[in-house]
Amino acid sequence: MGLQKELGIAFAMPNAVQRTLQRVAATDLGTALMSKVISPLDRLAYRASKGRFTLGRSLGAMPVVVLATTGARSGLQRETPINVIPFEDDLALVGTNFGSGTTPSWAHNLFANPAASVALRGVSVDVVARAAIPTEVETVFAAADQIYPGYANYRRNATNTIPVFILVRSGSE
């Protein structure tokens, strides 16, 4: 069974309101708001609702899970609400960091220790992350562009190589 099915993730097309919100979020101003305001609020909303609500999933039709990694330097567990992209029956992560040109801390954590977990609505699955190979990167970005138009902007403006990870259930790699 793939991660998508195990976590009950369904990738649906956004409605008209969600598409409008996505277009606004994909602008330079929207990206700045997402990274500085919405992302921290999303963490609070997720925790307060015990995993039932995220802004990305509710407002933008973005599939969001909580990724738990081990801090590369601290060794402490770090939790991050993060958008996931379908990849075959499993999931992929794209480290755009809201188009900032820097690699997100969760990606540094996965490079240092690929063992992690993903959780959605009370279901948690242990996973292993691996860097996607170039053909997989193209497949993931094509799927990402279908979910959120901002990914194309992030790639176009990137000053770094955007890390892409494939997540598989621990023990199935």
Protein backbone atom coordinates (compact mmCIF):
# COMPACT_ATOMS: atom_id res chain seq x y z
CA MET A 1 0.00 0.00 0.00
CA GLY A 2 1.38 3.42 -0.93
CA LEU A 3 1.65 6.39 1.39
CA GLN A 4 -1.16 8.26 -0.33
CA LYS A 5 -3.65 5.51 0.39
CA GLU A 6 -2.31 4.78 3.86
CA LEU A 7 -2.68 8.43 4.90
CA GLY A 8 -5.97 8.88 3.04
CA ILE A 9 -4.63 11.66 0.85
CA ALA A 10 -6.76 12.63 -2.11
CA PHE A 11 -5.45 15.16 -4.59
CA ALA A 12 -8.44 17.22 -5.72
CA MET A 13 -8.53 20.17 -8.05
CA PRO A 14 -9.07 23.49 -6.24
CA ASN A 15 -12.39 25.28 -6.56
CA ALA A 16 -12.65 28.83 -7.96
CA VAL A 17 -12.02 30.53 -4.60
CA GLN A 18 -9.04 28.29 -3.86
CA ARG A 19 -7.58 28.91 -7.35
CA THR A 20 -7.86 32.66 -6.74
CA LEU A 21 -6.13 32.33 -3.37
CA GLN A 22 -3.40 30.22 -4.99
CA ARG A 23 -2.80 32.86 -7.69
CA VAL A 24 -2.49 35.56 -5.02
CA ALA A 25 -0.18 33.36 -2.93
CA ALA A 26 2.03 32.77 -5.99
CA THR A 27 2.81 36.50 -6.34
CA ASP A 28 5.90 38.05 -4.73
CA LEU A 29 3.76 39.69 -2.04
CA GLY A 30 1.77 36.51 -1.50
CA THR A 31 4.95 34.48 -1.16
CA ALA A 32 6.31 36.91 1.43
CA LEU A 33 3.06 36.66 3.41
CA MET A 34 3.07 32.87 3.15
CA SER A 35 6.59 32.51 4.48
CA LYS A 36 6.38 35.09 7.27
CA VAL A 37 2.75 35.00 8.39
CA ILE A 38 0.72 32.11 7.01
CA SER A 39 3.25 29.35 7.65
CA PRO A 40 3.58 30.09 11.40
CA LEU A 41 -0.21 30.48 11.66
CA ASP A 42 -0.61 27.15 9.90
CA ARG A 43 1.50 25.45 12.56
CA LEU A 44 -0.71 26.92 15.28
CA ALA A 45 -3.92 25.98 13.47
CA TYR A 46 -2.69 22.43 12.98
CA ARG A 47 -1.74 22.02 16.63
CA ALA A 48 -4.89 23.67 17.97
CA SER A 49 -7.13 21.47 15.80
CA LYS A 50 -5.14 18.32 16.65
CA GLY A 51 -4.31 17.81 12.99
CA ARG A 52 -7.79 18.34 11.57
CA PHE A 53 -7.17 21.76 10.00
CA THR A 54 -4.42 23.44 8.02
CA LEU A 55 -4.69 26.71 6.16
CA GLY A 56 -2.98 25.26 3.10
CA ARG A 57 -5.38 22.35 2.83
CA SER A 58 -8.52 24.32 3.66
CA LEU A 59 -7.92 27.62 1.88
CA GLY A 60 -5.64 26.59 -0.97
CA ALA A 61 -6.58 22.94 -1.60
CA MET A 62 -2.97 22.02 -0.92
CA PRO A 63 -2.32 18.53 0.44
CA VAL A 64 -0.56 19.12 3.77
CA VAL A 65 0.98 16.63 6.20
CA VAL A 66 3.15 17.10 9.25
CA LEU A 67 6.70 16.00 8.58
CA ALA A 68 8.71 14.98 11.65
CA THR A 69 12.47 14.99 11.13
CA THR A 70 15.50 14.81 13.39
CA GLY A 71 17.38 18.10 13.60
CA ALA A 72 20.67 17.89 11.70
CA ARG A 73 22.57 19.79 14.40
CA SER A 74 20.37 19.54 17.47
CA GLY A 75 19.27 15.92 17.19
CA LEU A 76 15.82 17.05 18.39
CA GLN A 77 12.57 16.11 16.68
CA ARG A 78 11.26 18.89 14.44
CA GLU A 79 7.70 19.02 13.09
CA THR A 80 6.77 20.97 9.99
CA PRO A 81 3.41 21.22 8.22
CA ILE A 82 4.39 20.72 4.61
CA ASN A 83 2.79 20.38 1.20
CA VAL A 84 3.18 16.97 -0.41
CA ILE A 85 3.17 16.06 -4.07
CA PRO A 86 1.92 12.74 -5.46
CA PHE A 87 4.63 10.46 -6.78
CA GLU A 88 3.36 7.11 -8.05
CA ASP A 89 1.61 5.66 -4.95
CA ASP A 90 3.88 7.51 -2.56
CA LEU A 91 4.69 11.15 -1.83
CA ALA A 92 7.32 13.71 -2.74
CA LEU A 93 8.54 16.85 -1.01
CA VAL A 94 9.79 19.93 -2.82
CA GLY A 95 12.14 22.23 -0.88
CA THR A 96 11.30 25.58 -2.46
CA ASN A 97 11.22 27.44 0.86
CA PHE A 98 8.61 29.78 -0.62
CA GLY A 99 10.98 30.70 -3.44
CA SER A 100 13.48 32.30 -1.06
CA GLY A 101 16.54 30.76 -2.72
CA THR A 102 17.54 28.98 0.49
CA THR A 103 17.18 25.34 1.38
CA PRO A 104 14.58 24.75 4.10
CA SER A 105 15.75 23.37 7.43
CA TRP A 106 13.62 20.24 7.05
CA ALA A 107 15.58 19.40 3.88
CA HIS A 108 18.91 19.79 5.71
CA ASN A 109 17.49 17.47 8.35
CA LEU A 110 16.52 14.85 5.75
CA PHE A 111 19.94 15.02 4.08
CA ALA A 112 21.54 14.37 7.48
CA ASN A 113 19.04 11.71 8.59
CA PRO A 114 16.53 10.40 6.02
CA ALA A 115 14.40 8.59 8.63
CA ALA A 116 11.27 10.63 9.32
CA SER A 117 7.53 10.34 9.73
CA VAL A 118 4.52 11.94 8.11
CA ALA A 119 1.19 12.40 9.84
CA LEU A 120 -2.29 13.33 8.74
CA ARG A 121 -5.52 13.32 10.77
CA GLY A 122 -4.06 11.16 13.53
CA VAL A 123 -2.39 8.63 11.22
CA SER A 124 1.41 8.62 11.38
CA VAL A 125 3.67 6.62 9.09
CA ASP A 126 7.42 6.13 9.44
CA VAL A 127 9.14 6.96 6.16
CA VAL A 128 12.55 7.17 4.58
CA ALA A 129 13.38 10.09 2.31
CA ARG A 130 15.71 9.85 -0.64
CA ALA A 131 16.85 12.49 -3.08
CA ALA A 132 14.93 12.21 -6.34
CA ILE A 133 16.89 11.38 -9.49
CA PRO A 134 16.62 13.89 -12.37
CA THR A 135 13.80 12.11 -14.22
CA GLU A 136 11.83 11.87 -10.97
CA VAL A 137 12.42 15.57 -10.29
CA GLU A 138 10.76 16.44 -13.60
CA THR A 139 7.81 14.15 -12.82
CA VAL A 140 7.42 15.67 -9.36
CA PHE A 141 7.56 19.25 -10.66
CA ALA A 142 4.97 18.45 -13.35
CA ALA A 143 2.64 17.13 -10.63
CA ALA A 144 3.46 20.10 -8.36
CA ASP A 145 2.54 22.57 -11.08
CA GLN A 146 -0.90 20.93 -11.33
CA ILE A 147 -1.46 21.39 -7.59
CA TYR A 148 -0.13 24.92 -7.16
CA PRO A 149 0.94 27.42 -9.86
CA GLY A 150 3.47 29.04 -7.52
CA TYR A 151 5.91 26.15 -7.92
CA ALA A 152 6.75 27.30 -11.46
CA ASN A 153 7.53 30.80 -10.13
CA TYR A 154 9.68 29.35 -7.35
CA ARG A 155 11.73 27.36 -9.88
CA ARG A 156 12.06 30.30 -12.23
CA ASN A 157 13.34 32.55 -9.42
CA ALA A 158 15.49 29.93 -7.68
CA THR A 159 19.13 30.81 -7.06
CA ASN A 160 19.79 27.38 -5.57
CA THR A 161 19.10 23.81 -6.59
CA ILE A 162 15.69 23.00 -5.17
CA PRO A 163 15.87 19.71 -3.27
CA VAL A 164 13.25 17.11 -4.14
CA PHE A 165 12.71 14.04 -1.95
CA ILE A 166 10.77 10.87 -2.53
CA LEU A 167 9.17 9.46 0.61
CA VAL A 168 8.57 5.72 0.97
CA ARG A 169 7.28 3.73 3.92
CA SER A 170 10.10 2.72 6.23
CA GLY A 171 11.07 -0.89 5.51
CA SER A 172 9.86 -0.78 1.89
CA GLU A 173 12.84 1.07 0.43
